[in-house]
Structures are given as C-alpha cells and as structure tokens.
Protein backbone atom coordinates (compact mmCIF):
# COMPACT_ATOMS: atom_id res chain seq x y z
CA MET A 1 -4.32 -116.21 147.92
CA PHE A 2 -7.37 -114.10 146.95
CA GLU A 3 -5.79 -110.90 148.22
CA LYS A 4 -3.89 -110.58 144.93
CA PHE A 5 -7.09 -109.77 142.99
CA ASP A 6 -8.80 -106.38 142.77
CA ALA A 7 -12.28 -106.38 144.38
CA ASP A 8 -13.66 -104.00 141.64
CA ARG A 9 -13.41 -106.65 138.96
CA GLY A 10 -16.65 -108.33 140.11
CA GLN A 11 -18.60 -105.08 139.78
CA VAL A 12 -17.30 -104.54 136.23
CA GLY A 13 -18.41 -108.05 135.25
CA ILE A 14 -21.94 -107.50 136.58
CA GLY A 15 -22.25 -104.21 134.66
CA THR A 16 -21.16 -105.88 131.44
CA LEU A 17 -23.69 -108.65 132.04
CA ILE A 18 -26.49 -106.09 132.56
CA VAL A 19 -25.57 -104.30 129.33
CA PHE A 20 -25.47 -107.60 127.47
CA ILE A 21 -28.90 -108.61 128.78
CA ALA A 22 -30.31 -105.20 127.83
CA MET A 23 -28.93 -105.59 124.30
CA VAL A 24 -30.50 -109.04 123.99
CA LEU A 25 -33.87 -107.66 125.15
CA VAL A 26 -33.71 -104.78 122.68
CA ALA A 27 -32.79 -107.18 119.86
CA ALA A 28 -35.67 -109.49 120.82
CA ILE A 29 -38.16 -106.60 120.83
CA ALA A 30 -36.86 -105.36 117.46
CA ALA A 31 -37.11 -108.87 116.02
CA GLY A 32 -40.70 -109.16 117.27
CA VAL A 33 -41.61 -105.87 115.59
CA LEU A 34 -40.00 -106.99 112.32
CA VAL A 35 -41.80 -110.33 112.40
CA ASN A 36 -45.16 -108.66 113.07
CA THR A 37 -44.55 -106.12 110.30
CA ALA A 38 -43.55 -108.87 107.86
CA GLY A 39 -46.72 -110.82 108.71
CA PHE A 40 -48.89 -107.73 108.22
CA LEU A 41 -47.25 -106.94 104.88
CA GLN A 42 -47.68 -110.53 103.74
CA ALA A 43 -51.38 -110.55 104.64
CA THR A 44 -51.89 -107.19 102.91
CA ALA A 45 -50.09 -108.40 99.80
CA GLN A 46 -52.21 -111.55 99.70
CA ASP A 47 -55.43 -109.54 100.03
CA ALA A 48 -54.33 -107.09 97.34
CA GLY A 49 -53.33 -109.96 95.07
CA GLN A 50 -56.66 -111.72 95.56
CA GLU A 51 -58.58 -108.52 94.85
CA SER A 52 -56.56 -108.01 91.68
CA VAL A 53 -57.27 -111.58 90.57
CA ASN A 54 -60.98 -111.12 91.30
CA LYS A 55 -61.10 -107.96 89.19
CA VAL A 56 -59.66 -109.86 86.26
CA THR A 57 -61.48 -113.20 86.60
CA ASN A 58 -64.76 -112.57 88.45
CA ARG A 59 -66.78 -111.21 85.57
CA VAL A 60 -69.19 -112.30 82.85
CA ASP A 61 -68.60 -113.06 79.20
CA VAL A 62 -71.11 -111.87 76.62
CA VAL A 63 -71.91 -114.89 74.44
CA SER A 64 -74.25 -113.19 71.96
CA THR A 65 -76.28 -110.03 71.46
CA HIS A 66 -79.43 -109.12 69.58
CA GLY A 67 -82.11 -106.45 69.55
CA ILE A 68 -85.89 -106.40 69.22
CA VAL A 69 -87.44 -104.13 66.58
CA ASN A 70 -90.32 -101.87 67.56
CA ASP A 71 -92.60 -100.00 65.18
CA THR A 72 -93.27 -96.69 66.90
CA GLY A 73 -95.57 -95.36 64.19
CA ASP A 74 -92.91 -92.85 63.20
CA GLY A 75 -90.50 -95.54 62.06
CA LEU A 76 -88.70 -98.67 63.19
CA THR A 77 -86.36 -98.58 66.18
CA VAL A 78 -84.60 -101.11 68.38
CA ASP A 79 -86.24 -100.79 71.78
CA SER A 80 -84.79 -103.88 73.49
CA LEU A 81 -81.13 -104.93 73.80
CA ASN A 82 -80.63 -108.57 74.77
CA LEU A 83 -77.30 -110.00 75.95
CA THR A 84 -76.70 -113.68 76.66
CA VAL A 85 -74.03 -113.93 79.39
CA ARG A 86 -72.07 -116.66 81.16
CA LEU A 87 -69.21 -116.78 83.67
CA ALA A 88 -65.79 -115.89 82.32
CA ALA A 89 -63.15 -118.63 82.40
CA GLY A 90 -61.82 -119.07 85.94
CA SER A 91 -64.48 -116.81 87.42
CA GLY A 92 -66.17 -117.38 90.74
CA SER A 93 -69.89 -116.90 91.20
CA VAL A 94 -71.34 -113.59 89.97
CA SER A 95 -74.68 -112.29 91.21
CA LEU A 96 -76.72 -110.05 88.95
CA GLU A 97 -78.08 -108.36 92.08
CA ASP A 98 -74.57 -106.97 92.64
CA THR A 99 -73.82 -106.34 88.96
CA THR A 100 -74.17 -102.91 87.36
CA ILE A 101 -74.29 -101.94 83.70
CA LYS A 102 -72.99 -98.62 82.45
CA TYR A 103 -75.13 -97.63 79.47
CA VAL A 104 -73.80 -94.96 77.09
CA SER A 105 -75.56 -94.01 73.85
CA ASP A 106 -75.36 -91.00 71.57
CA SER A 107 -77.79 -89.13 73.83
CA THR A 108 -77.87 -90.89 77.20
CA ALA A 109 -75.48 -92.12 79.91
CA ARG A 110 -76.82 -94.11 82.86
CA ASN A 111 -75.82 -96.71 85.42
CA LEU A 112 -78.31 -99.58 85.47
CA VAL A 113 -78.99 -102.00 88.33
CA TYR A 114 -80.80 -105.31 88.30
CA ASP A 115 -84.55 -105.29 88.98
CA ASN A 116 -85.30 -108.53 90.84
CA ALA A 117 -89.08 -108.13 90.40
CA THR A 118 -89.17 -108.70 86.65
CA ALA A 119 -88.51 -112.46 86.66
CA ASN A 120 -90.41 -115.19 88.46
CA ALA A 121 -88.89 -117.09 91.40
CA ASP A 122 -86.80 -119.54 89.39
CA GLY A 123 -85.96 -116.99 86.69
CA THR A 124 -87.41 -119.01 83.84
CA ALA A 125 -89.92 -116.36 82.73
CA LEU A 126 -89.75 -112.61 82.36
CA GLY A 127 -92.53 -110.25 83.35
CA ASN A 128 -93.10 -106.63 82.46
CA VAL A 129 -90.03 -104.81 81.13
CA SER A 130 -91.87 -101.72 79.96
CA LYS A 131 -91.93 -98.46 81.87
CA PHE A 132 -94.25 -98.30 84.85
CA ASP A 133 -97.46 -96.57 83.75
CA GLY A 134 -99.43 -96.80 86.98
CA GLU A 135 -100.65 -100.35 86.49
CA VAL A 136 -99.24 -103.55 87.89
CA TYR A 137 -98.69 -106.30 85.33
CA ASN A 138 -97.98 -109.87 86.46
CA SER A 139 -97.18 -108.66 90.00
CA ASN A 140 -94.58 -106.31 88.57
CA ASP A 141 -94.69 -102.55 88.08
CA GLY A 142 -92.19 -102.46 85.21
CA LEU A 143 -88.77 -100.84 84.95
CA ASN A 144 -87.53 -97.34 85.59
CA GLU A 145 -84.78 -95.61 83.63
CA SER A 146 -82.04 -97.02 85.94
CA GLU A 147 -82.93 -100.73 85.78
CA TYR A 148 -82.37 -103.77 83.62
CA ALA A 149 -84.07 -107.17 83.67
CA ALA A 150 -82.84 -110.74 83.24
CA TYR A 151 -84.02 -114.33 83.10
CA ALA A 152 -82.40 -117.77 82.97
CA LEU A 153 -81.87 -119.60 79.70
CA GLU A 154 -79.90 -122.37 81.43
CA ASP A 155 -79.48 -122.62 85.20
CA GLY A 156 -77.77 -125.97 85.69
CA THR A 157 -79.09 -128.19 88.46
CA ASP A 158 -78.72 -125.77 91.36
CA THR A 159 -81.34 -123.21 90.22
CA SER A 160 -79.19 -120.40 91.58
CA PHE A 161 -80.79 -117.56 89.59
CA PRO A 162 -79.93 -114.65 89.70
CA VAL A 163 -76.44 -115.92 90.63
CA LEU A 164 -74.25 -117.30 87.84
CA SER A 165 -72.64 -120.17 89.73
CA GLY A 166 -71.35 -122.51 87.02
CA GLN A 167 -69.98 -122.52 83.49
CA ALA A 168 -73.19 -124.13 82.24
CA ASP A 169 -75.38 -121.23 83.41
CA ARG A 170 -76.67 -118.89 80.71
CA TYR A 171 -78.70 -115.78 81.57
CA GLU A 172 -80.23 -113.25 79.22
CA ILE A 173 -79.98 -109.59 80.21
CA VAL A 174 -82.71 -107.36 78.79
CA ILE A 175 -82.38 -103.58 78.53
CA ASN A 176 -85.44 -101.64 77.39
CA THR A 177 -83.91 -98.71 75.54
CA SER A 178 -87.26 -96.91 75.33
CA VAL A 179 -87.23 -96.74 79.14
CA VAL A 180 -83.51 -96.03 79.60
CA GLU A 181 -83.36 -93.31 76.95
CA GLY A 182 -86.09 -91.39 78.76
CA ALA A 183 -89.16 -89.38 77.83
CA GLY A 184 -89.85 -88.87 74.16
CA GLN A 185 -87.59 -91.71 73.06
CA ASP A 186 -88.85 -94.95 71.51
CA GLY A 187 -85.53 -96.77 71.47
CA VAL A 188 -82.37 -96.35 69.43
CA GLY A 189 -82.53 -95.74 65.71
CA THR A 190 -80.60 -96.88 62.67
CA GLY A 191 -76.86 -96.24 62.81
CA ASP A 192 -76.88 -95.44 66.53
CA SER A 193 -74.46 -97.23 68.83
CA VAL A 194 -74.71 -98.20 72.49
CA LYS A 195 -71.71 -99.00 74.66
CA LEU A 196 -72.31 -101.27 77.64
CA GLU A 197 -69.89 -102.01 80.49
CA VAL A 198 -70.99 -104.88 82.72
CA THR A 199 -69.26 -104.72 86.12
CA SER A 200 -69.47 -107.35 88.85
CA ARG A 201 -69.26 -106.68 92.59
CA SER A 202 -65.54 -107.46 92.70
CA GLY A 203 -64.83 -104.93 89.94
CA GLY A 204 -64.39 -107.28 86.99
CA SER A 205 -65.84 -105.66 83.89
CA THR A 206 -66.79 -106.62 80.34
CA GLN A 207 -67.41 -104.12 77.57
CA VAL A 208 -69.55 -104.54 74.49
CA ILE A 209 -70.50 -102.07 71.75
CA MET A 210 -73.77 -102.64 69.94
CA THR A 211 -74.38 -100.80 66.66
CA MET A 212 -77.86 -100.58 65.20
CA PRO A 213 -78.13 -101.61 61.52
CA GLN A 214 -78.39 -98.85 58.94
CA GLN A 215 -81.51 -100.39 57.50
CA LEU A 216 -84.42 -101.85 59.44
CA ALA A 217 -86.66 -101.94 56.40
CA GLY A 218 -88.48 -105.22 55.94
CA LYS A 219 -88.56 -105.91 59.66
CA ASN A 220 -91.79 -106.20 61.61
CA ASP A 221 -92.72 -105.31 65.17
CA ASN A 222 -91.02 -107.63 67.71
CA ASP A 223 -88.64 -109.10 65.12
CA PRO A 224 -85.18 -109.96 66.51
CA ILE A 225 -82.12 -108.50 64.79
CA ALA A 226 -78.44 -109.36 65.21
CA LEU A 227 -76.23 -106.64 66.65
C-alpha cells in the first residue's frame, strides 16, 4: 500500500520544519532585543523625567532680602546682602554645601560657594564674615572672594543645618559684598544693583535682583535696609 507514495516527501517535510524552527528562533531573538531596548528606553525616560522634575522643584525660595549699611569713611555703602531662604514647594532636601550662588554686579561677576566654617555646629550663630586678614577670629579665618556664609533662623526639630530638610526650615544667607567685590571696594553704593542666582545641586535655580536705594542718608553703621 505504501508503494504508491513518493519517498522524497518526507525529506521535504523535514526541511520545511527546519526552516520554520529557524524562523521562530529569529523571531524570538528579535523580540528579546525589542523588549530589552524598550526597557532601556523606559528607564532612560524615567531618569530624564526625574532629573527634569528635580531641576524645577529642588530649589530654594527667597522669602525676604535686606542689606547692612557700612560707613566706610568716604560714604555709606551696603556691604552685606542677607537673604532668608526656605525650600520651594514640592522640593526635596537642599544642602547649602552643594549650593552655588552666581553673583553679578555692575563691576564684578563671581560664583560663590558655601563656607562651612563660618557658623557653629548647629548653625545658630555666625562667626567672622569679613575678609581674612591673617588673624583667626572665633576659630574662623573669614571669607574669601568666592564664598558666602549662612546660619539657621529656624531648623525644625531635626537640626539638619546646613541642609534645608523641611518647609519649616529658614536659613539666612550672608554675602559680604566688600569681600566679593575685591580690593579697593567697600561694598555696593547707592543705585547699584546685584543679581543673584541660587542653584542647588540638582540644577534648580532661583534668581533675585537687589537694588541699592538711591539715598542712604540718615542711616548709621550696621543699620539694616530693605532691598
């Protein structure tokens, strides 16, 4: 009965089966590559999205600003800029040790970093913020032209200074313009403006422009003045 069939038909069936199996293997490999690529792209997109969110939210808000008047003998200037800062809404923790301030005035442009030697351990008191003159004051040698100081006004219950870790934290940043402006300068004078850009480690930034009043007459040395 079997003599009626051609013996080559079995060989053709095996060849077709081999081709089919090869196609399945190729499809499986291609699917694996696509799945891996999709996973990589998803992870990259999530990282990029989180970085973008951090740049927008992980920053500080400037609550208020004021300056301190200094009588240089040649006239009144503002030789200290003080900024009260807190965490922006939705922001994670921001460390001043990783926060830079871009300082731009009519005559000077500098990037300032935090000097962790100016405040005491819990940040409740500020030491020497004048330029180092060869003497150590209160275990601190003062600031150079690329530094700013800070201390805690409110630090919640975790005493995390110099890290802003909660919405209740309030720190005061102090910039000595007499130091930052360099030799021969005693601060910034009437009508001058200073632009500050406070940038956290994640890239979130806050800008503030402080303009010195046209008239400082009637003010005394170390008097505060709104900016």
